[in-house]
Amino acid sequence: EVVRCVQAGWLQSPQMPHAETLALLGWTDQLR
Protein backbone atom coordinates (compact mmCIF):
# COMPACT_ATOMS: atom_id res chain seq x y z
CA GLU A 1 0.00 0.00 0.00
CA VAL A 2 2.82 2.43 0.79
CA VAL A 3 4.48 1.76 -2.57
CA ARG A 4 1.13 2.12 -4.38
CA CYS A 5 0.32 5.42 -2.71
CA VAL A 6 3.78 6.95 -3.07
CA GLN A 7 3.95 6.02 -6.73
CA ALA A 8 0.52 7.64 -7.21
CA GLY A 9 1.72 10.83 -5.51
CA TRP A 10 -0.73 10.54 -2.61
CA LEU A 11 -0.01 11.93 0.85
CA GLN A 12 -2.08 9.35 2.71
CA SER A 13 -3.62 5.94 2.18
CA PRO A 14 -7.34 5.69 1.47
CA GLN A 15 -7.30 2.40 3.41
CA MET A 16 -5.50 3.82 6.45
CA PRO A 17 -5.97 7.62 6.27
CA HIS A 18 -4.75 10.16 8.79
CA ALA A 19 -8.31 10.60 10.05
CA GLU A 20 -8.36 6.95 11.12
CA THR A 21 -5.17 7.31 13.10
CA LEU A 22 -6.46 10.47 14.79
CA ALA A 23 -9.80 8.87 15.67
CA LEU A 24 -8.16 5.79 17.17
CA LEU A 25 -5.86 7.87 19.33
CA GLY A 26 -8.79 10.02 20.40
CA TRP A 27 -10.40 6.88 21.79
CA THR A 28 -7.24 5.65 23.51
CA ASP A 29 -6.72 9.09 25.05
CA GLN A 30 -10.21 8.96 26.56
CA LEU A 31 -9.85 5.40 27.85
CA ARG A 32 -6.44 6.07 29.39
PDB file of all heavy atoms in Angstrom:
ATOM      1  N   GLU A   1       0.822  -1.206   0.000  1.00  0.00           N
ATOM      2  CA  GLU A   1       0.000   0.000   0.000  1.00  0.00           C
ATOM      3  C   GLU A   1       0.857   1.257   0.000  1.00  0.00           C
ATOM      4  O   GLU A   1       0.544   2.238  -0.683  1.00  0.00           O
ATOM      5  CB  GLU A   1      -0.943  -0.006   1.208  1.00  0.00           C
ATOM      6  CG  GLU A   1      -1.799   1.241   1.358  1.00  0.00           C
ATOM      7  CD  GLU A   1      -2.887   1.381   0.302  1.00  0.00           C
ATOM      8  OE1 GLU A   1      -2.964   0.535  -0.618  1.00  0.00           O
ATOM      9  OE2 GLU A   1      -3.676   2.347   0.396  1.00  0.00           O
ATOM     10  N   VAL A   2       1.933   1.258   0.774  1.00  0.00           N
ATOM     11  CA  VAL A   2       2.821   2.427   0.790  1.00  0.00           C
ATOM     12  C   VAL A   2       3.390   2.672  -0.601  1.00  0.00           C
ATOM     13  O   VAL A   2       3.370   3.799  -1.112  1.00  0.00           O
ATOM     14  CB  VAL A   2       3.957   2.237   1.810  1.00  0.00           C
ATOM     15  CG1 VAL A   2       4.971   3.385   1.702  1.00  0.00           C
ATOM     16  CG2 VAL A   2       3.408   2.153   3.227  1.00  0.00           C
ATOM     17  N   VAL A   3       3.892   1.619  -1.231  1.00  0.00           N
ATOM     18  CA  VAL A   3       4.476   1.756  -2.568  1.00  0.00           C
ATOM     19  C   VAL A   3       3.424   2.270  -3.547  1.00  0.00           C
ATOM     20  O   VAL A   3       3.675   3.189  -4.336  1.00  0.00           O
ATOM     21  CB  VAL A   3       5.063   0.417  -3.042  1.00  0.00           C
ATOM     22  CG1 VAL A   3       5.571   0.531  -4.481  1.00  0.00           C
ATOM     23  CG2 VAL A   3       6.196  -0.032  -2.111  1.00  0.00           C
ATOM     24  N   ARG A   4       2.219   1.704  -3.487  1.00  0.00           N
ATOM     25  CA  ARG A   4       1.127   2.123  -4.379  1.00  0.00           C
ATOM     26  C   ARG A   4       0.818   3.598  -4.219  1.00  0.00           C
ATOM     27  O   ARG A   4       0.686   4.345  -5.202  1.00  0.00           O
ATOM     28  CB  ARG A   4      -0.117   1.283  -4.087  1.00  0.00           C
ATOM     29  CG  ARG A   4      -1.324   1.602  -4.965  1.00  0.00           C
ATOM     30  CD  ARG A   4      -2.492   0.686  -4.614  1.00  0.00           C
ATOM     31  NE  ARG A   4      -3.206   1.136  -3.442  1.00  0.00           N
ATOM     32  CZ  ARG A   4      -4.317   1.884  -3.457  1.00  0.00           C
ATOM     33  NH1 ARG A   4      -4.815   2.292  -4.619  1.00  0.00           N
ATOM     34  NH2 ARG A   4      -4.922   2.223  -2.339  1.00  0.00           N
ATOM     35  N   CYS A   5       0.694   4.036  -2.974  1.00  0.00           N
ATOM     36  CA  CYS A   5       0.315   5.421  -2.710  1.00  0.00           C
ATOM     37  C   CYS A   5       1.427   6.395  -3.084  1.00  0.00           C
ATOM     38  O   CYS A   5       1.165   7.458  -3.667  1.00  0.00           O
ATOM     39  CB  CYS A   5      -0.048   5.582  -1.237  1.00  0.00           C
ATOM     40  SG  CYS A   5      -1.561   4.718  -0.738  1.00  0.00           S
ATOM     41  N   VAL A   6       2.661   6.054  -2.758  1.00  0.00           N
ATOM     42  CA  VAL A   6       3.778   6.947  -3.067  1.00  0.00           C
ATOM     43  C   VAL A   6       3.947   7.079  -4.574  1.00  0.00           C
ATOM     44  O   VAL A   6       4.158   8.172  -5.107  1.00  0.00           O
ATOM     45  CB  VAL A   6       5.075   6.446  -2.405  1.00  0.00           C
ATOM     46  CG1 VAL A   6       6.286   7.236  -2.906  1.00  0.00           C
ATOM     47  CG2 VAL A   6       4.970   6.558  -0.888  1.00  0.00           C
ATOM     48  N   GLN A   7       3.815   5.973  -5.279  1.00  0.00           N
ATOM     49  CA  GLN A   7       3.949   6.024  -6.732  1.00  0.00           C
ATOM     50  C   GLN A   7       2.813   6.828  -7.372  1.00  0.00           C
ATOM     51  O   GLN A   7       2.989   7.422  -8.428  1.00  0.00           O
ATOM     52  CB  GLN A   7       3.996   4.608  -7.305  1.00  0.00           C
ATOM     53  CG  GLN A   7       5.297   3.886  -6.965  1.00  0.00           C
ATOM     54  CD  GLN A   7       5.356   2.486  -7.545  1.00  0.00           C
ATOM     55  OE1 GLN A   7       4.339   1.873  -7.841  1.00  0.00           O
ATOM     56  NE2 GLN A   7       6.556   1.966  -7.692  1.00  0.00           N
ATOM     57  N   ALA A   8       1.656   6.861  -6.703  1.00  0.00           N
ATOM     58  CA  ALA A   8       0.520   7.639  -7.210  1.00  0.00           C
ATOM     59  C   ALA A   8       0.612   9.113  -6.811  1.00  0.00           C
ATOM     60  O   ALA A   8      -0.203   9.928  -7.262  1.00  0.00           O
ATOM     61  CB  ALA A   8      -0.785   7.044  -6.698  1.00  0.00           C
ATOM     62  N   GLY A   9       1.566   9.445  -5.947  1.00  0.00           N
ATOM     63  CA  GLY A   9       1.720  10.827  -5.513  1.00  0.00           C
ATOM     64  C   GLY A   9       0.771  11.232  -4.396  1.00  0.00           C
ATOM     65  O   GLY A   9       0.572  12.419  -4.147  1.00  0.00           O
ATOM     66  N   TRP A  10       0.207  10.246  -3.688  1.00  0.00           N
ATOM     67  CA  TRP A  10      -0.734  10.544  -2.613  1.00  0.00           C
ATOM     68  C   TRP A  10       0.005  10.815  -1.312  1.00  0.00           C
ATOM     69  O   TRP A  10       1.092  10.278  -1.080  1.00  0.00           O
ATOM     70  CB  TRP A  10      -1.707   9.386  -2.411  1.00  0.00           C
ATOM     71  CG  TRP A  10      -2.535   9.074  -3.632  1.00  0.00           C
ATOM     72  CD1 TRP A  10      -2.796   9.915  -4.676  1.00  0.00           C
ATOM     73  CD2 TRP A  10      -3.198   7.844  -3.929  1.00  0.00           C
ATOM     74  NE1 TRP A  10      -3.600   9.294  -5.596  1.00  0.00           N
ATOM     75  CE2 TRP A  10      -3.859   8.011  -5.177  1.00  0.00           C
ATOM     76  CE3 TRP A  10      -3.309   6.631  -3.267  1.00  0.00           C
ATOM     77  CZ2 TRP A  10      -4.610   7.004  -5.763  1.00  0.00           C
ATOM     78  CZ3 TRP A  10      -4.060   5.619  -3.853  1.00  0.00           C
ATOM     79  CH2 TRP A  10      -4.707   5.808  -5.078  1.00  0.00           C
ATOM     80  N   LEU A  11      -0.608  11.600  -0.436  1.00  0.00           N
ATOM     81  CA  LEU A  11      -0.010  11.933   0.853  1.00  0.00           C
ATOM     82  C   LEU A  11      -0.522  11.038   1.978  1.00  0.00           C
ATOM     83  O   LEU A  11       0.036  11.040   3.075  1.00  0.00           O
ATOM     84  CB  LEU A  11      -0.276  13.398   1.209  1.00  0.00           C
ATOM     85  CG  LEU A  11       0.240  14.431   0.206  1.00  0.00           C
ATOM     86  CD1 LEU A  11       0.044  15.837   0.758  1.00  0.00           C
ATOM     87  CD2 LEU A  11       1.702  14.184  -0.132  1.00  0.00           C
ATOM     88  N   GLN A  12      -1.569  10.290   1.710  1.00  0.00           N
ATOM     89  CA  GLN A  12      -2.085   9.347   2.705  1.00  0.00           C
ATOM     90  C   GLN A  12      -2.794   8.202   2.009  1.00  0.00           C
ATOM     91  O   GLN A  12      -3.157   8.306   0.834  1.00  0.00           O
ATOM     92  CB  GLN A  12      -3.000  10.034   3.706  1.00  0.00           C
ATOM     93  CG  GLN A  12      -4.176  10.778   3.111  1.00  0.00           C
ATOM     94  CD  GLN A  12      -4.981  11.507   4.170  1.00  0.00           C
ATOM     95  OE1 GLN A  12      -5.416  10.921   5.165  1.00  0.00           O
ATOM     96  NE2 GLN A  12      -5.178  12.806   3.979  1.00  0.00           N
ATOM     97  N   SER A  13      -2.977   7.124   2.739  1.00  0.00           N
ATOM     98  CA  SER A  13      -3.618   5.935   2.184  1.00  0.00           C
ATOM     99  C   SER A  13      -5.129   6.019   2.346  1.00  0.00           C
ATOM    100  O   SER A  13      -5.620   6.327   3.442  1.00  0.00           O
ATOM    101  CB  SER A  13      -3.114   4.680   2.901  1.00  0.00           C
ATOM    102  OG  SER A  13      -3.982   3.584   2.698  1.00  0.00           O
ATOM    103  N   PRO A  14      -5.889   5.725   1.307  1.00  0.00           N
ATOM    104  CA  PRO A  14      -7.340   5.686   1.467  1.00  0.00           C
ATOM    105  C   PRO A  14      -7.795   4.544   2.371  1.00  0.00           C
ATOM    106  O   PRO A  14      -8.895   4.591   2.925  1.00  0.00           O
ATOM    107  CB  PRO A  14      -7.850   5.499   0.027  1.00  0.00           C
ATOM    108  CG  PRO A  14      -6.692   4.942  -0.730  1.00  0.00           C
ATOM    109  CD  PRO A  14      -5.459   5.477  -0.092  1.00  0.00           C
ATOM    110  N   GLN A  15      -6.958   3.525   2.536  1.00  0.00           N
ATOM    111  CA  GLN A  15      -7.299   2.401   3.406  1.00  0.00           C
ATOM    112  C   GLN A  15      -6.903   2.639   4.858  1.00  0.00           C
ATOM    113  O   GLN A  15      -7.472   2.032   5.767  1.00  0.00           O
ATOM    114  CB  GLN A  15      -6.642   1.115   2.901  1.00  0.00           C
ATOM    115  CG  GLN A  15      -7.243   0.576   1.624  1.00  0.00           C
ATOM    116  CD  GLN A  15      -6.681  -0.772   1.262  1.00  0.00           C
ATOM    117  OE1 GLN A  15      -5.877  -0.917   0.346  1.00  0.00           O
ATOM    118  NE2 GLN A  15      -7.077  -1.792   2.003  1.00  0.00           N
ATOM    119  N   MET A  16      -5.921   3.480   5.095  1.00  0.00           N
ATOM    120  CA  MET A  16      -5.499   3.824   6.455  1.00  0.00           C
ATOM    121  C   MET A  16      -5.169   5.314   6.478  1.00  0.00           C
ATOM    122  O   MET A  16      -4.010   5.716   6.572  1.00  0.00           O
ATOM    123  CB  MET A  16      -4.291   2.978   6.870  1.00  0.00           C
ATOM    124  CG  MET A  16      -3.880   3.170   8.321  1.00  0.00           C
ATOM    125  SD  MET A  16      -5.197   2.690   9.469  1.00  0.00           S
ATOM    126  CE  MET A  16      -4.780   3.720  10.891  1.00  0.00           C
ATOM    127  N   PRO A  17      -6.195   6.170   6.363  1.00  0.00           N
ATOM    128  CA  PRO A  17      -5.967   7.615   6.274  1.00  0.00           C
ATOM    129  C   PRO A  17      -5.583   8.222   7.621  1.00  0.00           C
ATOM    130  O   PRO A  17      -5.755   7.603   8.678  1.00  0.00           O
ATOM    131  CB  PRO A  17      -7.317   8.145   5.793  1.00  0.00           C
ATOM    132  CG  PRO A  17      -8.304   7.156   6.313  1.00  0.00           C
ATOM    133  CD  PRO A  17      -7.622   5.816   6.261  1.00  0.00           C
ATOM    134  N   HIS A  18      -5.113   9.449   7.564  1.00  0.00           N
ATOM    135  CA  HIS A  18      -4.746  10.160   8.792  1.00  0.00           C
ATOM    136  C   HIS A  18      -5.931  10.259   9.748  1.00  0.00           C
ATOM    137  O   HIS A  18      -5.762  10.166  10.967  1.00  0.00           O
ATOM    138  CB  HIS A  18      -4.252  11.565   8.458  1.00  0.00           C
ATOM    139  CG  HIS A  18      -3.003  11.583   7.643  1.00  0.00           C
ATOM    140  ND1 HIS A  18      -2.518  12.738   7.060  1.00  0.00           N
ATOM    141  CD2 HIS A  18      -2.124  10.599   7.310  1.00  0.00           C
ATOM    142  CE1 HIS A  18      -1.408  12.466   6.406  1.00  0.00           C
ATOM    143  NE2 HIS A  18      -1.158  11.178   6.524  1.00  0.00           N
ATOM    144  N   ALA A  19      -7.116  10.459   9.203  1.00  0.00           N
ATOM    145  CA  ALA A  19      -8.307  10.602  10.047  1.00  0.00           C
ATOM    146  C   ALA A  19      -8.538   9.366  10.898  1.00  0.00           C
ATOM    147  O   ALA A  19      -9.020   9.460  12.039  1.00  0.00           O
ATOM    148  CB  ALA A  19      -9.535  10.885   9.182  1.00  0.00           C
ATOM    149  N   GLU A  20      -8.202   8.198  10.361  1.00  0.00           N
ATOM    150  CA  GLU A  20      -8.363   6.954  11.119  1.00  0.00           C
ATOM    151  C   GLU A  20      -7.392   6.906  12.289  1.00  0.00           C
ATOM    152  O   GLU A  20      -7.756   6.542  13.409  1.00  0.00           O
ATOM    153  CB  GLU A  20      -8.164   5.751  10.195  1.00  0.00           C
ATOM    154  CG  GLU A  20      -8.382   4.406  10.853  1.00  0.00           C
ATOM    155  CD  GLU A  20      -9.810   4.201  11.337  1.00  0.00           C
ATOM    156  OE1 GLU A  20     -10.737   4.857  10.808  1.00  0.00           O
ATOM    157  OE2 GLU A  20     -10.000   3.397  12.273  1.00  0.00           O
ATOM    158  N   THR A  21      -6.165   7.271  12.037  1.00  0.00           N
ATOM    159  CA  THR A  21      -5.165   7.313  13.105  1.00  0.00           C
ATOM    160  C   THR A  21      -5.586   8.284  14.204  1.00  0.00           C
ATOM    161  O   THR A  21      -5.504   7.974  15.397  1.00  0.00           O
ATOM    162  CB  THR A  21      -3.801   7.732  12.528  1.00  0.00           C
ATOM    163  OG1 THR A  21      -3.305   6.681  11.690  1.00  0.00           O
ATOM    164  CG2 THR A  21      -2.789   8.018  13.623  1.00  0.00           C
ATOM    165  N   LEU A  22      -6.051   9.459  13.814  1.00  0.00           N
ATOM    166  CA  LEU A  22      -6.461  10.467  14.788  1.00  0.00           C
ATOM    167  C   LEU A  22      -7.665  10.005  15.610  1.00  0.00           C
ATOM    168  O   LEU A  22      -7.715  10.212  16.831  1.00  0.00           O
ATOM    169  CB  LEU A  22      -6.782  11.776  14.070  1.00  0.00           C
ATOM    170  CG  LEU A  22      -5.583  12.480  13.426  1.00  0.00           C
ATOM    171  CD1 LEU A  22      -6.058  13.615  12.521  1.00  0.00           C
ATOM    172  CD2 LEU A  22      -4.644  13.015  14.496  1.00  0.00           C
ATOM    173  N   ALA A  23      -8.616   9.350  14.960  1.00  0.00           N
ATOM    174  CA  ALA A  23      -9.802   8.875  15.667  1.00  0.00           C
ATOM    175  C   ALA A  23      -9.442   7.783  16.668  1.00  0.00           C
ATOM    176  O   ALA A  23      -9.932   7.775  17.810  1.00  0.00           O
ATOM    177  CB  ALA A  23     -10.832   8.361  14.671  1.00  0.00           C
ATOM    178  N   LEU A  24      -8.586   6.861  16.268  1.00  0.00           N
ATOM    179  CA  LEU A  24      -8.164   5.785  17.166  1.00  0.00           C
ATOM    180  C   LEU A  24      -7.480   6.350  18.403  1.00  0.00           C
ATOM    181  O   LEU A  24      -7.745   5.927  19.537  1.00  0.00           O
ATOM    182  CB  LEU A  24      -7.212   4.837  16.438  1.00  0.00           C
ATOM    183  CG  LEU A  24      -7.825   3.681  15.653  1.00  0.00           C
ATOM    184  CD1 LEU A  24      -6.752   2.976  14.843  1.00  0.00           C
ATOM    185  CD2 LEU A  24      -8.509   2.699  16.592  1.00  0.00           C
ATOM    186  N   LEU A  25      -6.571   7.290  18.198  1.00  0.00           N
ATOM    187  CA  LEU A  25      -5.859   7.865  19.333  1.00  0.00           C
ATOM    188  C   LEU A  25      -6.771   8.727  20.197  1.00  0.00           C
ATOM    189  O   LEU A  25      -6.552   8.845  21.407  1.00  0.00           O
ATOM    190  CB  LEU A  25      -4.658   8.663  18.840  1.00  0.00           C
ATOM    191  CG  LEU A  25      -3.499   7.795  18.343  1.00  0.00           C
ATOM    192  CD1 LEU A  25      -2.437   8.643  17.652  1.00  0.00           C
ATOM    193  CD2 LEU A  25      -2.880   7.007  19.494  1.00  0.00           C
ATOM    194  N   GLY A  26      -7.803   9.304  19.593  1.00  0.00           N
ATOM    195  CA  GLY A  26      -8.786  10.019  20.396  1.00  0.00           C
ATOM    196  C   GLY A  26      -9.474   9.081  21.376  1.00  0.00           C
ATOM    197  O   GLY A  26      -9.702   9.429  22.544  1.00  0.00           O
ATOM    198  N   TRP A  27      -9.788   7.877  20.914  1.00  0.00           N
ATOM    199  CA  TRP A  27     -10.404   6.884  21.791  1.00  0.00           C
ATOM    200  C   TRP A  27      -9.439   6.423  22.879  1.00  0.00           C
ATOM    201  O   TRP A  27      -9.818   6.309  24.047  1.00  0.00           O
ATOM    202  CB  TRP A  27     -10.870   5.677  20.975  1.00  0.00           C
ATOM    203  CG  TRP A  27     -12.083   5.928  20.138  1.00  0.00           C
ATOM    204  CD1 TRP A  27     -12.740   7.112  19.955  1.00  0.00           C
ATOM    205  CD2 TRP A  27     -12.799   4.960  19.366  1.00  0.00           C
ATOM    206  NE1 TRP A  27     -13.808   6.941  19.116  1.00  0.00           N
ATOM    207  CE2 TRP A  27     -13.878   5.632  18.732  1.00  0.00           C
ATOM    208  CE3 TRP A  27     -12.635   3.607  19.131  1.00  0.00           C
ATOM    209  CZ2 TRP A  27     -14.783   4.981  17.901  1.00  0.00           C
ATOM    210  CZ3 TRP A  27     -13.535   2.944  18.301  1.00  0.00           C
ATOM    211  CH2 TRP A  27     -14.596   3.619  17.686  1.00  0.00           C
ATOM    212  N   THR A  28      -8.196   6.131  22.503  1.00  0.00           N
ATOM    213  CA  THR A  28      -7.242   5.655  23.514  1.00  0.00           C
ATOM    214  C   THR A  28      -6.953   6.741  24.540  1.00  0.00           C
ATOM    215  O   THR A  28      -6.790   6.449  25.728  1.00  0.00           O
ATOM    216  CB  THR A  28      -5.929   5.159  22.873  1.00  0.00           C
ATOM    217  OG1 THR A  28      -5.303   6.215  22.143  1.00  0.00           O
ATOM    218  CG2 THR A  28      -6.182   3.972  21.955  1.00  0.00           C
ATOM    219  N   ASP A  29      -6.901   7.998  24.099  1.00  0.00           N
ATOM    220  CA  ASP A  29      -6.715   9.093  25.053  1.00  0.00           C
ATOM    221  C   ASP A  29      -7.831   9.084  26.102  1.00  0.00           C
ATOM    222  O   ASP A  29      -7.579   9.204  27.310  1.00  0.00           O
ATOM    223  CB  ASP A  29      -6.741  10.446  24.338  1.00  0.00           C
ATOM    224  CG  ASP A  29      -5.441  10.780  23.623  1.00  0.00           C
ATOM    225  OD1 ASP A  29      -4.451  10.023  23.761  1.00  0.00           O
ATOM    226  OD2 ASP A  29      -5.416  11.803  22.903  1.00  0.00           O
ATOM    227  N   GLN A  30      -9.076   8.946  25.644  1.00  0.00           N
ATOM    228  CA  GLN A  30     -10.213   8.964  26.561  1.00  0.00           C
ATOM    229  C   GLN A  30     -10.178   7.791  27.528  1.00  0.00           C
ATOM    230  O   GLN A  30     -10.417   7.947  28.738  1.00  0.00           O
ATOM    231  CB  GLN A  30     -11.524   8.932  25.779  1.00  0.00           C
ATOM    232  CG  GLN A  30     -11.822  10.186  24.977  1.00  0.00           C
ATOM    233  CD  GLN A  30     -13.163  10.097  24.276  1.00  0.00           C
ATOM    234  OE1 GLN A  30     -14.199   9.939  24.926  1.00  0.00           O
ATOM    235  NE2 GLN A  30     -13.162  10.195  22.956  1.00  0.00           N
ATOM    236  N   LEU A  31      -9.872   6.597  27.002  1.00  0.00           N
ATOM    237  CA  LEU A  31      -9.854   5.404  27.848  1.00  0.00           C
ATOM    238  C   LEU A  31      -8.719   5.462  28.855  1.00  0.00           C
ATOM    239  O   LEU A  31      -8.898   5.077  30.022  1.00  0.00           O
ATOM    240  CB  LEU A  31      -9.750   4.148  26.974  1.00  0.00           C
ATOM    241  CG  LEU A  31     -10.948   3.878  26.061  1.00  0.00           C
ATOM    242  CD1 LEU A  31     -10.661   2.731  25.109  1.00  0.00           C
ATOM    243  CD2 LEU A  31     -12.196   3.566  26.892  1.00  0.00           C
ATOM    244  N   ARG A  32      -7.568   5.955  28.451  1.00  0.00           N
ATOM    245  CA  ARG A  32      -6.442   6.067  29.387  1.00  0.00           C
ATOM    246  C   ARG A  32      -6.764   7.053  30.510  1.00  0.00           C
ATOM    247  O   ARG A  32      -6.399   6.840  31.670  1.00  0.00           O
ATOM    248  CB  ARG A  32      -5.165   6.500  28.662  1.00  0.00           C
ATOM    249  CG  ARG A  32      -4.464   5.395  27.928  1.00  0.00           C
ATOM    250  CD  ARG A  32      -3.053   5.778  27.478  1.00  0.00           C
ATOM    251  NE  ARG A  32      -3.022   6.952  26.623  1.00  0.00           N
ATOM    252  CZ  ARG A  32      -2.602   8.153  27.010  1.00  0.00           C
ATOM    253  NH1 ARG A  32      -2.177   8.350  28.256  1.00  0.00           N
ATOM    254  NH2 ARG A  32      -2.590   9.172  26.165  1.00  0.00           N
TER     255      ARG A  32
END
